C-alpha atoms as a PDB file:
ATOM      1  CA  MET A   1       3.731  83.550  41.605  1.00  0.00           C
ATOM      2  CA  VAL A   2       2.388  85.031  45.577  1.00  0.00           C
ATOM      3  CA  THR A   3       5.285  84.637  47.624  1.00  0.00           C
ATOM      4  CA  ASP A   4       3.974  84.273  50.894  1.00  0.00           C
ATOM      5  CA  HIS A   5       5.846  85.289  54.407  1.00  0.00           C
ATOM      6  CA  GLN A   6       5.097  85.007  58.511  1.00  0.00           C
ATOM      7  CA  PRO A   7       3.654  88.504  58.085  1.00  0.00           C
ATOM      8  CA  ALA A   8       4.535  90.843  60.976  1.00  0.00           C
ATOM      9  CA  LYS A   9       2.074  92.158  64.196  1.00  0.00           C
ATOM     10  CA  PHE A  10       0.517  94.971  64.514  1.00  0.00           C
ATOM     11  CA  ARG A  11       0.228  96.758  67.573  1.00  0.00           C
ATOM     12  CA  GLY A  12      -0.709 100.606  66.528  1.00  0.00           C
ATOM     13  CA  ALA A  13       1.304 103.328  64.650  1.00  0.00           C
ATOM     14  CA  SER A  14       2.227 107.000  66.449  1.00  0.00           C
ATOM     15  CA  ARG A  15      -1.058 109.162  65.571  1.00  0.00           C
ATOM     16  CA  TYR A  16      -3.357 106.193  65.447  1.00  0.00           C
ATOM     17  CA  VAL A  17      -5.143 104.998  68.903  1.00  0.00           C
ATOM     18  CA  LEU A  18      -6.435 101.433  68.522  1.00  0.00           C
ATOM     19  CA  ASP A  19      -7.836  98.907  71.263  1.00  0.00           C
ATOM     20  CA  ASP A  20      -7.164  95.543  71.796  1.00  0.00           C
ATOM     21  CA  GLU A  21      -9.610  93.750  69.640  1.00  0.00           C
ATOM     22  CA  LEU A  22      -9.300  95.803  66.352  1.00  0.00           C
ATOM     23  CA  ALA A  23      -5.431  94.922  66.877  1.00  0.00           C
ATOM     24  CA  LYS A  24      -6.004  91.148  66.742  1.00  0.00           C
ATOM     25  CA  ILE A  25      -8.439  90.839  64.058  1.00  0.00           C
ATOM     26  CA  VAL A  26      -5.684  93.156  61.639  1.00  0.00           C
ATOM     27  CA  ASN A  27      -3.501  90.567  62.907  1.00  0.00           C
ATOM     28  CA  ILE A  28      -5.522  87.955  62.460  1.00  0.00           C
ATOM     29  CA  SER A  29      -6.231  89.122  59.169  1.00  0.00           C
ATOM     30  CA  MET A  30      -3.213  89.331  57.858  1.00  0.00           C
ATOM     31  CA  ALA A  31      -2.272  85.503  59.164  1.00  0.00           C
ATOM     32  CA  LEU A  32      -5.274  83.970  57.166  1.00  0.00           C
ATOM     33  CA  GLU A  33      -4.710  86.155  54.006  1.00  0.00           C
ATOM     34  CA  MET A  34      -8.005  87.182  54.335  1.00  0.00           C
ATOM     35  CA  PRO A  35      -9.512  90.696  53.486  1.00  0.00           C
ATOM     36  CA  LEU A  36     -10.497  92.484  56.237  1.00  0.00           C
ATOM     37  CA  LEU A  37     -13.854  94.445  56.167  1.00  0.00           C
ATOM     38  CA  LEU A  38     -14.549  98.013  58.627  1.00  0.00           C
ATOM     39  CA  LYS A  39     -17.774  99.265  59.154  1.00  0.00           C
ATOM     40  CA  GLY A  40     -18.391 102.001  61.717  1.00  0.00           C
ATOM     41  CA  GLU A  41     -19.805 106.050  61.207  1.00  0.00           C
ATOM     42  CA  PRO A  42     -17.979 108.735  59.520  1.00  0.00           C
ATOM     43  CA  GLY A  43     -14.788 109.518  61.425  1.00  0.00           C
ATOM     44  CA  THR A  44     -13.927 106.594  63.222  1.00  0.00           C
ATOM     45  CA  GLY A  45     -10.602 105.976  61.600  1.00  0.00           C
ATOM     46  CA  LYS A  46     -11.867 103.046  59.217  1.00  0.00           C
ATOM     47  CA  THR A  47      -9.960 104.446  56.837  1.00  0.00           C
ATOM     48  CA  MET A  48      -6.633 106.070  58.452  1.00  0.00           C
ATOM     49  CA  LEU A  49      -6.304 102.513  59.709  1.00  0.00           C
ATOM     50  CA  ALA A  50      -4.877 101.887  56.319  1.00  0.00           C
ATOM     51  CA  HIS A  51      -2.213 104.885  57.098  1.00  0.00           C
ATOM     52  CA  ALA A  52      -1.226 103.047  59.837  1.00  0.00           C
ATOM     53  CA  ILE A  53      -0.583  99.446  58.846  1.00  0.00           C
ATOM     54  CA  THR A  54       1.451 100.986  56.231  1.00  0.00           C
ATOM     55  CA  GLU A  55       3.698 102.849  58.698  1.00  0.00           C
ATOM     56  CA  SER A  56       3.557 100.241  61.240  1.00  0.00           C
ATOM     57  CA  LEU A  57       4.733  97.530  59.220  1.00  0.00           C
ATOM     58  CA  HIS A  58       6.143  99.546  56.447  1.00  0.00           C
ATOM     59  CA  MET A  59       4.723  99.082  53.311  1.00  0.00           C
ATOM     60  CA  PRO A  60       4.011 100.902  50.570  1.00  0.00           C
ATOM     61  CA  LEU A  61       0.277 102.317  50.481  1.00  0.00           C
ATOM     62  CA  ILE A  62      -1.981 101.620  47.445  1.00  0.00           C
ATOM     63  CA  VAL A  63      -5.808 103.384  47.473  1.00  0.00           C
ATOM     64  CA  LEU A  64      -8.475 102.511  45.168  1.00  0.00           C
ATOM     65  CA  ASN A  65     -11.645 105.120  45.848  1.00  0.00           C
ATOM     66  CA  VAL A  66     -14.486 103.118  44.636  1.00  0.00           C
ATOM     67  CA  LYS A  67     -17.200 105.483  42.986  1.00  0.00           C
ATOM     68  CA  SER A  68     -20.378 104.387  42.209  1.00  0.00           C
ATOM     69  CA  SER A  69     -19.995 104.626  38.633  1.00  0.00           C
ATOM     70  CA  MET A  70     -17.134 102.429  38.722  1.00  0.00           C
ATOM     71  CA  LYS A  71     -16.447  99.296  36.760  1.00  0.00           C
ATOM     72  CA  LEU A  72     -14.454  96.523  37.728  1.00  0.00           C
ATOM     73  CA  VAL A  73     -12.362  96.440  35.334  1.00  0.00           C
ATOM     74  CA  ASP A  74     -10.803 100.497  35.889  1.00  0.00           C
ATOM     75  CA  ALA A  75      -9.253  99.241  38.799  1.00  0.00           C
ATOM     76  CA  LEU A  76      -7.547  96.226  36.756  1.00  0.00           C
ATOM     77  CA  TYR A  77      -5.871  98.256  33.915  1.00  0.00           C
ATOM     78  CA  GLN A  78      -6.496 100.904  31.284  1.00  0.00           C
ATOM     79  CA  TYR A  79      -5.986 100.126  27.936  1.00  0.00           C
ATOM     80  CA  ASP A  80      -6.107 103.995  26.152  1.00  0.00           C
ATOM     81  CA  THR A  81      -7.149 102.686  23.228  1.00  0.00           C
ATOM     82  CA  LEU A  82      -7.738 106.643  22.409  1.00  0.00           C
ATOM     83  CA  THR A  83      -3.739 107.500  22.502  1.00  0.00           C
ATOM     84  CA  ARG A  84      -3.569 104.155  20.936  1.00  0.00           C
ATOM     85  CA  LEU A  85      -5.451 105.587  17.518  1.00  0.00           C
ATOM     86  CA  ASN A  86      -4.166 108.721  17.453  1.00  0.00           C
ATOM     87  CA  ASP A  87      -0.777 107.810  17.502  1.00  0.00           C
ATOM     88  CA  SER A  88      -1.537 105.471  14.530  1.00  0.00           C
ATOM     89  CA  ARG A  89      -3.301 108.256  12.331  1.00  0.00           C
ATOM     90  CA  PHE A  90      -0.222 110.954  13.170  1.00  0.00           C
ATOM     91  CA  GLY A  91       2.810 109.043  13.530  1.00  0.00           C
ATOM     92  CA  ASP A  92       4.431 110.678  15.734  1.00  0.00           C
ATOM     93  CA  SER A  93       4.526 108.770  18.885  1.00  0.00           C
ATOM     94  CA  LYS A  94       7.886 106.997  20.434  1.00  0.00           C
ATOM     95  CA  ARG A  95       6.254 104.253  21.239  1.00  0.00           C
ATOM     96  CA  ASP A  96       5.297 101.138  19.380  1.00  0.00           C
ATOM     97  CA  VAL A  97       1.532 101.317  18.087  1.00  0.00           C
ATOM     98  CA  SER A  98       1.900  98.184  17.309  1.00  0.00           C
ATOM     99  CA  ASN A  99       2.682  96.497  20.793  1.00  0.00           C
ATOM    100  CA  ILE A 100      -0.456  97.075  23.032  1.00  0.00           C
ATOM    101  CA  GLU A 101       0.792  96.576  26.084  1.00  0.00           C
ATOM    102  CA  GLU A 102       2.946 100.495  25.815  1.00  0.00           C
ATOM    103  CA  TYR A 103      -0.935 101.539  25.960  1.00  0.00           C
ATOM    104  CA  LEU A 104      -2.320  99.443  29.007  1.00  0.00           C
ATOM    105  CA  LYS A 105      -1.757 101.146  32.366  1.00  0.00           C
ATOM    106  CA  MET A 106      -2.067  99.466  35.277  1.00  0.00           C
ATOM    107  CA  GLY A 107      -5.039  99.694  37.887  1.00  0.00           C
ATOM    108  CA  LYS A 108      -5.016  99.996  41.945  1.00  0.00           C
ATOM    109  CA  ILE A 109      -5.504  96.508  41.814  1.00  0.00           C
ATOM    110  CA  GLY A 110      -3.089  95.647  39.331  1.00  0.00           C
ATOM    111  CA  GLN A 111      -0.641  97.833  41.074  1.00  0.00           C
ATOM    112  CA  ALA A 112      -0.832  96.104  44.154  1.00  0.00           C
ATOM    113  CA  PHE A 113      -0.209  92.593  42.088  1.00  0.00           C
ATOM    114  CA  VAL A 114       2.345  94.101  39.805  1.00  0.00           C
ATOM    115  CA  ALA A 115       4.343  95.477  43.048  1.00  0.00           C
ATOM    116  CA  ASP A 116       8.028  94.269  44.255  1.00  0.00           C
ATOM    117  CA  LYS A 117       7.267  94.396  47.199  1.00  0.00           C
ATOM    118  CA  LYS A 118       4.203  92.970  50.268  1.00  0.00           C
ATOM    119  CA  VAL A 119       1.490  96.400  49.464  1.00  0.00           C
ATOM    120  CA  VAL A 120      -1.486  97.437  52.492  1.00  0.00           C
ATOM    121  CA  LEU A 121      -4.507  97.770  49.246  1.00  0.00           C
ATOM    122  CA  LEU A 122      -6.838 100.179  51.131  1.00  0.00           C
ATOM    123  CA  ILE A 123     -10.484  99.679  48.968  1.00  0.00           C
ATOM    124  CA  ASP A 124     -12.452 103.036  50.323  1.00  0.00           C
ATOM    125  CA  GLU A 125     -16.252 102.878  50.581  1.00  0.00           C
ATOM    126  CA  ILE A 126     -17.054  99.240  48.657  1.00  0.00           C
ATOM    127  CA  ASP A 127     -21.381  99.808  49.341  1.00  0.00           C
ATOM    128  CA  LYS A 128     -21.113 102.845  46.414  1.00  0.00           C
ATOM    129  CA  ALA A 129     -20.013 100.023  43.866  1.00  0.00           C
ATOM    130  CA  ASP A 130     -23.036  97.518  42.804  1.00  0.00           C
ATOM    131  CA  THR A 131     -23.404  94.035  43.205  1.00  0.00           C
ATOM    132  CA  ASP A 132     -21.226  92.159  40.307  1.00  0.00           C
ATOM    133  CA  PHE A 133     -18.611  94.664  41.370  1.00  0.00           C
ATOM    134  CA  GLN A 134     -17.995  93.548  44.940  1.00  0.00           C
ATOM    135  CA  ASP A 135     -18.542  90.156  44.135  1.00  0.00           C
ATOM    136  CA  ASP A 136     -16.061  89.675  40.908  1.00  0.00           C
ATOM    137  CA  MET A 137     -13.850  91.964  42.712  1.00  0.00           C
ATOM    138  CA  LEU A 138     -13.776  89.518  45.500  1.00  0.00           C
ATOM    139  CA  ASP A 139     -13.210  86.518  42.746  1.00  0.00           C
ATOM    140  CA  ILE A 140     -10.072  88.337  41.514  1.00  0.00           C
ATOM    141  CA  LEU A 141      -8.774  88.745  45.165  1.00  0.00           C
ATOM    142  CA  ASP A 142      -9.265  85.109  46.133  1.00  0.00           C
ATOM    143  CA  GLN A 143      -7.366  83.823  42.998  1.00  0.00           C
ATOM    144  CA  MET A 144      -4.612  86.854  43.183  1.00  0.00           C
ATOM    145  CA  GLN A 145      -5.007  86.921  39.317  1.00  0.00           C
ATOM    146  CA  PHE A 146      -6.770  88.625  36.384  1.00  0.00           C
ATOM    147  CA  ASP A 147      -6.730  88.590  32.957  1.00  0.00           C
ATOM    148  CA  ILE A 148      -5.796  90.891  30.563  1.00  0.00           C
ATOM    149  CA  ILE A 149      -8.519  90.886  26.948  1.00  0.00           C
ATOM    150  CA  GLU A 150      -6.114  92.632  24.973  1.00  0.00           C
ATOM    151  CA  THR A 151      -3.324  90.940  25.192  1.00  0.00           C
ATOM    152  CA  ASP A 152      -4.677  87.265  27.074  1.00  0.00           C
ATOM    153  CA  LYS A 153      -2.107  87.707  29.332  1.00  0.00           C
ATOM    154  CA  THR A 154      -3.138  86.884  32.855  1.00  0.00           C
ATOM    155  CA  ILE A 155      -1.732  89.414  35.800  1.00  0.00           C
ATOM    156  CA  THR A 156      -0.571  87.195  39.032  1.00  0.00           C
ATOM    157  CA  ALA A 157      -0.031  88.675  41.677  1.00  0.00           C
ATOM    158  CA  LYS A 158       3.967  88.546  42.746  1.00  0.00           C
ATOM    159  CA  ASN A 159       2.936  89.570  46.601  1.00  0.00           C
ATOM    160  CA  ARG A 160      -0.600  88.890  48.473  1.00  0.00           C
ATOM    161  CA  PRO A 161      -1.061  92.225  49.443  1.00  0.00           C
ATOM    162  CA  VAL A 162      -2.967  93.176  53.390  1.00  0.00           C
ATOM    163  CA  ILE A 163      -6.981  94.374  51.943  1.00  0.00           C
ATOM    164  CA  ILE A 164      -8.270  96.556  53.872  1.00  0.00           C
ATOM    165  CA  ILE A 165     -12.332  97.428  53.120  1.00  0.00           C
ATOM    166  CA  THR A 166     -14.415 100.031  54.234  1.00  0.00           C
ATOM    167  CA  SER A 167     -18.088 100.586  54.230  1.00  0.00           C
ATOM    168  CA  ASN A 168     -19.930 103.435  55.374  1.00  0.00           C
ATOM    169  CA  ALA A 169     -22.959 101.327  55.700  1.00  0.00           C
ATOM    170  CA  LYS A 170     -25.016 103.459  53.388  1.00  0.00           C
ATOM    171  CA  LYS A 171     -26.715  99.983  51.731  1.00  0.00           C
ATOM    172  CA  ASP A 172     -26.313  96.184  52.035  1.00  0.00           C
ATOM    173  CA  LEU A 173     -23.291  94.371  51.167  1.00  0.00           C
ATOM    174  CA  SER A 174     -24.292  90.700  49.243  1.00  0.00           C
ATOM    175  CA  ASP A 175     -23.873  87.785  51.489  1.00  0.00           C
ATOM    176  CA  PRO A 176     -21.304  86.165  49.560  1.00  0.00           C
ATOM    177  CA  PHE A 177     -19.123  88.963  49.650  1.00  0.00           C
ATOM    178  CA  LEU A 178     -19.722  89.604  53.459  1.00  0.00           C
ATOM    179  CA  GLY A 179     -19.183  85.643  53.666  1.00  0.00           C
ATOM    180  CA  ARG A 180     -15.848  86.248  52.001  1.00  0.00           C
ATOM    181  CA  CYS A 181     -14.554  88.966  54.227  1.00  0.00           C
ATOM    182  CA  ASN A 182     -12.839  89.032  58.157  1.00  0.00           C
ATOM    183  CA  PHE A 183     -15.567  91.517  59.941  1.00  0.00           C
ATOM    184  CA  HIS A 184     -15.361  94.693  62.368  1.00  0.00           C
ATOM    185  CA  HIS A 185     -17.284  97.384  63.308  1.00  0.00           C
ATOM    186  CA  ILE A 186     -15.336 100.173  64.100  1.00  0.00           C
ATOM    187  CA  ALA A 187     -17.750 101.613  67.211  1.00  0.00           C
ATOM    188  CA  PHE A 188     -17.442 105.679  67.816  1.00  0.00           C
ATOM    189  CA  PRO A 189     -14.873 105.973  70.769  1.00  0.00           C
ATOM    190  CA  ASP A 190     -15.705 106.112  74.434  1.00  0.00           C
ATOM    191  CA  HIS A 191     -15.078 109.790  76.036  1.00  0.00           C
ATOM    192  CA  ASP A 192     -11.809 107.311  77.422  1.00  0.00           C
ATOM    193  CA  LEU A 193     -10.481 106.189  74.429  1.00  0.00           C
ATOM    194  CA  MET A 194     -10.952 109.849  72.662  1.00  0.00           C
ATOM    195  CA  ARG A 195      -9.330 111.404  75.525  1.00  0.00           C
ATOM    196  CA  ARG A 196      -6.326 108.860  74.393  1.00  0.00           C
ATOM    197  CA  ILE A 197      -6.723 110.163  71.075  1.00  0.00           C
ATOM    198  CA  ILE A 198      -5.871 113.787  71.743  1.00  0.00           C
ATOM    199  CA  GLY A 199      -3.460 113.312  73.708  1.00  0.00           C
ATOM    200  CA  VAL A 200      -1.726 111.818  71.015  1.00  0.00           C
ATOM    201  CA  HIS A 201      -2.299 114.866  69.096  1.00  0.00           C
ATOM    202  CA  PHE A 202      -2.269 117.473  71.966  1.00  0.00           C
ATOM    203  CA  PRO A 203       0.569 115.961  74.208  1.00  0.00           C
ATOM    204  CA  ASP A 204       0.447 119.071  75.632  1.00  0.00           C
ATOM    205  CA  LEU A 205      -3.321 119.933  76.337  1.00  0.00           C
ATOM    206  CA  HIS A 206      -4.060 120.749  80.245  1.00  0.00           C
ATOM    207  CA  SER A 207      -6.025 118.288  81.877  1.00  0.00           C
ATOM    208  CA  ASP A 208      -8.685 120.799  82.717  1.00  0.00           C
ATOM    209  CA  LEU A 209      -9.080 121.891  78.643  1.00  0.00           C
ATOM    210  CA  ALA A 210      -9.491 118.367  77.693  1.00  0.00           C
ATOM    211  CA  THR A 211     -12.284 117.370  80.001  1.00  0.00           C
ATOM    212  CA  ALA A 212     -14.271 120.294  79.163  1.00  0.00           C
ATOM    213  CA  CYS A 213     -14.009 120.040  75.707  1.00  0.00           C
ATOM    214  CA  LEU A 214     -14.829 116.024  75.318  1.00  0.00           C
ATOM    215  CA  ASP A 215     -17.804 117.173  77.440  1.00  0.00           C
ATOM    216  CA  THR A 216     -18.727 119.767  74.956  1.00  0.00           C
ATOM    217  CA  PHE A 217     -17.977 117.262  71.949  1.00  0.00           C
ATOM    218  CA  TYR A 218     -20.085 114.438  73.147  1.00  0.00           C
ATOM    219  CA  ARG A 219     -22.813 116.908  74.481  1.00  0.00           C
ATOM    220  CA  LEU A 220     -23.114 118.379  71.207  1.00  0.00           C
ATOM    221  CA  ARG A 221     -23.190 115.026  69.520  1.00  0.00           C
ATOM    222  CA  ASP A 222     -26.244 114.280  71.690  1.00  0.00           C
ATOM    223  CA  VAL A 223     -28.102 116.835  69.601  1.00  0.00           C
ATOM    224  CA  ARG A 224     -31.648 115.654  68.024  1.00  0.00           C
ATOM    225  CA  GLY A 225     -31.960 115.814  64.354  1.00  0.00           C
ATOM    226  CA  VAL A 226     -28.289 116.239  63.596  1.00  0.00           C
ATOM    227  CA  GLU A 227     -26.841 115.110  59.948  1.00  0.00           C
ATOM    228  CA  LYS A 228     -23.361 114.647  60.065  1.00  0.00           C
ATOM    229  CA  LYS A 229     -22.441 114.756  63.982  1.00  0.00           C
ATOM    230  CA  PRO A 230     -18.587 116.477  64.564  1.00  0.00           C
ATOM    231  CA  ALA A 231     -16.213 112.693  64.148  1.00  0.00           C
ATOM    232  CA  THR A 232     -12.490 112.656  65.541  1.00  0.00           C
ATOM    233  CA  ARG A 233     -11.182 115.047  63.102  1.00  0.00           C
ATOM    234  CA  GLU A 234     -13.619 118.053  63.757  1.00  0.00           C
ATOM    235  CA  LEU A 235     -13.077 117.306  67.848  1.00  0.00           C
ATOM    236  CA  ILE A 236      -8.860 118.242  66.771  1.00  0.00           C
ATOM    237  CA  ASN A 237      -9.232 120.915  64.837  1.00  0.00           C
ATOM    238  CA  TRP A 238     -11.749 122.208  67.418  1.00  0.00           C
ATOM    239  CA  ILE A 239      -9.147 122.167  69.613  1.00  0.00           C
ATOM    240  CA  ARG A 240      -6.583 123.706  67.187  1.00  0.00           C
ATOM    241  CA  ALA A 241      -8.830 126.769  66.656  1.00  0.00           C
ATOM    242  CA  LEU A 242      -9.273 127.314  70.526  1.00  0.00           C
ATOM    243  CA  GLN A 243      -5.285 127.664  70.847  1.00  0.00           C
ATOM    244  CA  ALA A 244      -4.886 129.592  68.155  1.00  0.00           C
ATOM    245  CA  ASP A 245      -7.464 131.398  70.056  1.00  0.00           C
ATOM    246  CA  PRO A 246      -5.496 134.264  72.073  1.00  0.00           C
ATOM    247  CA  ASP A 247      -9.146 135.757  73.315  1.00  0.00           C
ATOM    248  CA  PHE A 248     -10.084 132.069  74.416  1.00  0.00           C
ATOM    249  CA  GLN A 249     -11.256 131.099  78.121  1.00  0.00           C
ATOM    250  CA  LEU A 250     -11.824 128.105  79.638  1.00  0.00           C
ATOM    251  CA  LYS A 251     -14.481 129.497  82.356  1.00  0.00           C
ATOM    252  CA  SER A 252     -16.020 130.472  79.109  1.00  0.00           C
ATOM    253  CA  LEU A 253     -16.365 127.092  77.676  1.00  0.00           C
ATOM    254  CA  LYS A 254     -17.608 125.134  80.963  1.00  0.00           C
ATOM    255  CA  SER A 255     -20.166 127.839  81.104  1.00  0.00           C
ATOM    256  CA  GLY A 256     -21.303 126.517  77.743  1.00  0.00           C
ATOM    257  CA  LYS A 257     -20.292 128.360  75.564  1.00  0.00           C
ATOM    258  CA  VAL A 258     -18.859 127.338  72.324  1.00  0.00           C
ATOM    259  CA  PRO A 259     -16.820 129.034  69.991  1.00  0.00           C
ATOM    260  CA  PHE A 260     -16.659 127.942  67.005  1.00  0.00           C
ATOM    261  CA  LEU A 261     -19.351 125.815  66.005  1.00  0.00           C
ATOM    262  CA  GLY A 262     -19.113 126.029  62.610  1.00  0.00           C
ATOM    263  CA  VAL A 263     -15.610 124.246  63.478  1.00  0.00           C
ATOM    264  CA  LEU A 264     -18.119 121.186  64.568  1.00  0.00           C
ATOM    265  CA  PHE A 265     -20.860 121.599  62.262  1.00  0.00           C
ATOM    266  CA  LYS A 266     -20.441 122.197  58.808  1.00  0.00           C
ATOM    267  CA  LYS A 267     -23.569 121.696  57.100  1.00  0.00           C
ATOM    268  CA  SER A 268     -26.477 124.565  58.361  1.00  0.00           C
ATOM    269  CA  ASN A 269     -29.180 122.550  59.376  1.00  0.00           C
ATOM    270  CA  ASP A 270     -26.797 121.052  61.759  1.00  0.00           C
ATOM    271  CA  PHE A 271     -24.962 124.523  62.750  1.00  0.00           C
ATOM    272  CA  TYR A 272     -28.535 125.435  63.897  1.00  0.00           C
ATOM    273  CA  LEU A 273     -29.899 122.659  65.824  1.00  0.00           C
ATOM    274  CA  ALA A 274     -26.410 123.350  67.785  1.00  0.00           C
ATOM    275  CA  SER A 275     -26.292 126.751  67.886  1.00  0.00           C
ATOM    276  CA  ARG A 276     -29.697 126.672  69.311  1.00  0.00           C
ATOM    277  CA  GLN A 277     -28.748 124.682  72.696  1.00  0.00           C
ATOM    278  CA  THR A 278     -25.279 126.660  72.872  1.00  0.00           C
ATOM    279  CA  PRO A 279     -26.044 129.714  75.385  1.00  0.00           C
ATOM    280  CA  GLY A 280     -25.037 132.894  74.149  1.00  0.00           C
ATOM    281  CA  TYR A 281     -24.318 131.675  70.584  1.00  0.00           C
ATOM    282  CA  LYS A 282     -24.995 134.369  68.020  1.00  0.00           C
END
């Protein structure tokens, strides 16, 4: 039986900086008991939002990483027919071969349903799945129950999970799917918001260095032809590299030279394009 309680308010987490609108749509989605679909380019914090909610509201996190080959039943439960067959043939198992339930294992959605405590269910990269998977999954999440065919039993959620769904927009989602979710597009952080983000990770970072790093970072993100622009994670790792280098000089960065360019650009062609616009890069 699904039990519903007035949800606590989400206001962010210790290492997750968010704007007011994102905080509001998270809380509205929890109040309306609707899945929240997040879109945005990689590195905008879609996945980390679920982690921030778990930290802030002290809920367990269950993550379903969607794969293109995944079947919906795998996200619900798995029936280990091979092990049961071997146990019945060799007879050396402590399990009761006649009891199918001993060979059932809950998938990620199943785990969220049977959990004794309300959880955050992150369904990551839903755009990798086919349309039938997407729509059938939302049917189950609407009903908060599913059937186990092998035992003719119905699993009903003990608590309605907080559902966060992410998409990198690699392919369009169906209109019925979109119509059953709240939606928020997370734009890439602007200069001011990114300064707040790196301030969380580097509270003692000198203001001049922060400014130079951000100016360089955003300039390099604008390099034409780049396939994978550096995101927040690359910026943080790059600043760490600069801080760890005893020979690093701020004036060199201000002059346009960019050390450790490979921390920002991981693809060979992206690195080549960026290096062409970096003075003195070897």
